[in-house]
């Protein structure tokens, strides 16, 4: 019989833990590769079985667009996001995409988050039907409802789908966050459903 060295059990448990983590990571990456082959924009619903099924709760009707006003703060309570907005983002700092609409006005307003894995993870947890509130410079709060969340890759990035409005005459919102290990970008798409 071989003698057991002190700490051998702890080392064996650590190795087993690392092996399980590697296996789970491999399965996760394999699943994302398979999904990317279906068209590049992978829905992130949190319920794999629900993908492709009609939603059980219909979304609210669109609200009429508001006059243009600069954004001051964005809040997504379901994802734990509450942050000030300081103009157009540069160098990965995040901010409103200057060529898009103002949030609440007709068209698609785009907020690009910082290239931070934490923001990427939190946006990936947003669900269809969640609320997004944008406080604006004119004192109003534009209230949006999320209609879908998708992960897109650099090789399959469809700029028209991300930056362009989906329905004419509607005020829409896109929240983007990139910086994942595989170059993915989470795209949250919402539309105006109220204001106060």
Protein backbone atom coordinates (compact mmCIF):
# COMPACT_ATOMS: atom_id res chain seq x y z
CA UNK A 1 0.00 0.00 0.00
CA UNK A 2 1.08 3.52 -0.71
CA UNK A 3 1.02 5.98 2.14
CA UNK A 4 -1.21 9.06 1.86
CA UNK A 5 0.59 12.37 1.85
CA UNK A 6 -0.80 15.19 4.01
CA UNK A 7 -3.17 17.37 2.01
CA UNK A 8 -3.68 14.71 -0.67
CA UNK A 9 -7.45 14.63 -0.17
CA UNK A 10 -7.71 18.42 -0.49
CA UNK A 11 -5.62 18.38 -3.66
CA UNK A 12 -7.76 15.60 -5.16
CA UNK A 13 -10.93 17.59 -4.44
CA UNK A 14 -9.42 20.70 -6.03
CA UNK A 15 -8.46 18.76 -9.15
CA UNK A 16 -11.95 17.25 -9.36
CA UNK A 17 -13.49 20.73 -9.01
CA UNK A 18 -11.32 22.12 -11.81
CA UNK A 19 -12.21 19.14 -14.02
CA UNK A 20 -15.95 19.73 -13.48
CA UNK A 21 -15.57 23.45 -14.19
CA UNK A 22 -13.69 22.68 -17.42
CA UNK A 23 -16.37 20.18 -18.48
CA UNK A 24 -19.20 22.66 -17.83
CA UNK A 25 -17.34 25.44 -19.68
CA UNK A 26 -16.76 23.10 -22.63
CA UNK A 27 -20.44 22.17 -22.78
CA UNK A 28 -21.45 25.85 -22.58
CA UNK A 29 -19.06 26.80 -25.43
CA UNK A 30 -20.24 23.84 -27.52
CA UNK A 31 -23.86 24.91 -27.06
CA UNK A 32 -23.06 28.46 -28.15
CA UNK A 33 -21.23 27.22 -31.26
CA UNK A 34 -24.28 25.15 -32.24
CA UNK A 35 -26.62 28.07 -31.66
CA UNK A 36 -24.45 30.48 -33.66
CA UNK A 37 -24.84 28.26 -36.70
CA UNK A 38 -28.55 29.05 -36.72
CA UNK A 39 -28.16 32.66 -37.78
CA UNK A 40 -25.88 34.67 -35.49
CA UNK A 41 -28.44 36.24 -33.17
CA UNK A 42 -29.04 33.78 -30.36
CA UNK A 43 -32.02 34.46 -28.11
CA UNK A 44 -31.21 34.62 -24.40
CA UNK A 45 -34.52 33.95 -22.73
CA UNK A 46 -33.36 32.12 -19.63
CA UNK A 47 -35.75 29.32 -20.63
CA UNK A 48 -34.36 27.23 -23.47
CA UNK A 49 -37.64 25.38 -23.91
CA UNK A 50 -39.46 28.67 -24.47
CA UNK A 51 -37.36 29.71 -27.47
CA UNK A 52 -39.55 29.67 -30.57
CA UNK A 53 -42.81 29.35 -28.65
CA UNK A 54 -45.29 32.21 -28.58
CA UNK A 55 -45.05 34.20 -25.32
CA UNK A 56 -47.68 33.45 -22.71
CA UNK A 57 -48.16 37.14 -21.88
CA UNK A 58 -48.57 39.64 -24.71
CA UNK A 59 -46.47 42.78 -24.53
CA UNK A 60 -48.13 46.20 -24.05
CA UNK A 61 -48.99 48.47 -26.96
CA UNK A 62 -46.45 51.00 -28.16
CA UNK A 63 -46.68 54.55 -26.79
CA UNK A 64 -46.54 57.57 -29.08
CA UNK A 65 -42.99 58.97 -29.47
CA UNK A 66 -41.86 61.87 -27.26
CA UNK A 67 -40.09 65.08 -28.29
CA UNK A 68 -36.31 64.63 -28.47
CA UNK A 69 -34.43 65.11 -25.19
CA UNK A 70 -31.01 63.99 -24.00
CA UNK A 71 -30.72 60.98 -21.67
CA UNK A 72 -29.53 61.49 -18.11
CA UNK A 73 -29.94 58.09 -16.43
CA UNK A 74 -30.88 54.52 -17.39
CA UNK A 75 -32.39 51.97 -14.99
CA UNK A 76 -33.02 48.26 -15.59
CA UNK A 77 -34.15 47.03 -12.19
CA UNK A 78 -34.38 43.38 -13.23
CA UNK A 79 -30.64 43.41 -14.07
CA UNK A 80 -29.51 45.63 -11.20
CA UNK A 81 -28.46 48.41 -13.58
CA UNK A 82 -28.87 52.06 -12.53
CA UNK A 83 -26.34 54.37 -14.13
CA UNK A 84 -25.92 57.96 -15.23
CA UNK A 85 -25.48 58.65 -18.93
CA UNK A 86 -22.72 61.05 -19.85
CA UNK A 87 -22.99 61.68 -23.58
CA UNK A 88 -21.56 59.62 -26.39
CA UNK A 89 -19.28 56.80 -25.25
CA UNK A 90 -15.72 56.48 -26.49
CA UNK A 91 -12.87 54.07 -25.82
CA UNK A 92 -15.14 51.41 -24.34
CA UNK A 93 -16.60 53.75 -21.70
CA UNK A 94 -20.19 53.42 -22.90
CA UNK A 95 -22.73 56.06 -23.88
CA UNK A 96 -25.43 56.98 -26.39
CA UNK A 97 -24.68 56.30 -30.03
CA UNK A 98 -24.68 59.83 -31.47
CA UNK A 99 -26.05 58.91 -34.91
CA UNK A 100 -29.21 57.34 -33.44
CA UNK A 101 -32.40 58.86 -32.08
CA UNK A 102 -32.73 60.36 -28.61
CA UNK A 103 -34.34 57.87 -26.21
CA UNK A 104 -38.11 58.24 -26.36
CA UNK A 105 -38.10 60.01 -29.74
CA UNK A 106 -39.13 58.28 -32.96
CA UNK A 107 -36.49 55.84 -34.22
CA UNK A 108 -33.96 53.64 -32.49
CA UNK A 109 -31.88 55.06 -29.64
CA UNK A 110 -28.76 53.01 -28.91
CA UNK A 111 -26.89 52.87 -25.60
CA UNK A 112 -23.55 51.12 -25.84
CA UNK A 113 -22.37 49.84 -22.48
CA UNK A 114 -18.72 49.63 -21.46
CA UNK A 115 -16.72 46.62 -22.64
CA UNK A 116 -17.03 44.95 -19.27
CA UNK A 117 -17.90 41.31 -18.66
CA UNK A 118 -20.03 42.26 -15.64
CA UNK A 119 -22.32 44.49 -17.72
CA UNK A 120 -22.45 41.80 -20.41
CA UNK A 121 -23.59 39.24 -17.83
CA UNK A 122 -26.22 41.53 -16.33
CA UNK A 123 -27.73 42.48 -19.69
CA UNK A 124 -27.79 38.79 -20.64
CA UNK A 125 -30.09 38.25 -17.66
CA UNK A 126 -32.74 40.69 -18.92
CA UNK A 127 -35.98 39.01 -20.03
CA UNK A 128 -38.73 39.77 -22.51
CA UNK A 129 -41.28 42.02 -20.82
CA UNK A 130 -38.79 43.62 -18.40
CA UNK A 131 -38.94 47.39 -17.92
CA UNK A 132 -36.22 49.90 -18.83
CA UNK A 133 -36.55 53.50 -17.64
CA UNK A 134 -34.60 56.42 -19.09
CA UNK A 135 -34.62 59.75 -17.24
CA UNK A 136 -34.34 62.61 -19.73
CA UNK A 137 -33.07 66.20 -19.65
CA UNK A 138 -36.61 67.61 -20.00
CA UNK A 139 -37.64 66.02 -16.69
CA UNK A 140 -39.63 63.15 -18.21
CA UNK A 141 -38.97 59.45 -17.76
CA UNK A 142 -39.34 57.33 -20.89
CA UNK A 143 -40.55 53.82 -20.03
CA UNK A 144 -39.62 50.99 -22.38
CA UNK A 145 -40.60 47.31 -22.48
CA UNK A 146 -38.07 44.68 -23.61
CA UNK A 147 -39.25 42.68 -26.61
CA UNK A 148 -36.19 40.48 -27.03
CA UNK A 149 -32.61 39.84 -25.96
CA UNK A 150 -30.03 38.30 -28.30
CA UNK A 151 -26.32 37.50 -28.41
CA UNK A 152 -24.57 38.41 -31.66
CA UNK A 153 -21.01 37.66 -32.69
CA UNK A 154 -18.58 39.89 -34.57
CA UNK A 155 -18.68 37.62 -37.62
CA UNK A 156 -22.50 37.67 -37.76
CA UNK A 157 -23.17 41.21 -36.60
CA UNK A 158 -26.18 42.61 -38.49
CA UNK A 159 -25.89 46.40 -38.12
CA UNK A 160 -29.33 46.98 -39.63
CA UNK A 161 -31.01 44.71 -37.10
CA UNK A 162 -29.10 46.28 -34.20
CA UNK A 163 -29.18 49.99 -35.07
CA UNK A 164 -32.29 50.44 -37.25
CA UNK A 165 -35.87 50.79 -35.97
CA UNK A 166 -38.02 47.70 -36.42
CA UNK A 167 -41.33 49.52 -36.88
CA UNK A 168 -41.92 52.90 -38.50
CA UNK A 169 -43.11 55.70 -36.22
CA UNK A 170 -42.17 53.82 -33.06
CA UNK A 171 -39.71 54.94 -30.34
CA UNK A 172 -37.27 52.10 -29.77
CA UNK A 173 -34.27 51.42 -27.56
CA UNK A 174 -31.22 49.17 -27.88
CA UNK A 175 -28.91 48.39 -24.98
CA UNK A 176 -25.62 46.85 -26.11
CA UNK A 177 -22.77 45.40 -24.07
CA UNK A 178 -19.72 43.64 -25.43
CA UNK A 179 -16.47 42.36 -24.09
CA UNK A 180 -17.14 38.67 -23.62
CA UNK A 181 -14.29 36.19 -24.00
CA UNK A 182 -15.54 35.19 -27.46
CA UNK A 183 -16.27 38.68 -28.74
CA UNK A 184 -20.04 38.45 -28.31
CA UNK A 185 -22.38 41.41 -27.89
CA UNK A 186 -25.62 41.26 -25.94
CA UNK A 187 -28.38 43.29 -27.63
CA UNK A 188 -31.48 44.19 -25.61
CA UNK A 189 -34.28 45.52 -27.84
CA UNK A 190 -37.14 47.51 -26.29
CA UNK A 191 -39.81 49.96 -27.35
CA UNK A 192 -41.56 52.90 -25.66
CA UNK A 193 -44.67 51.89 -23.73
CA UNK A 194 -45.20 54.90 -21.46
CA UNK A 195 -43.81 58.10 -19.96
CA UNK A 196 -44.15 60.14 -16.81
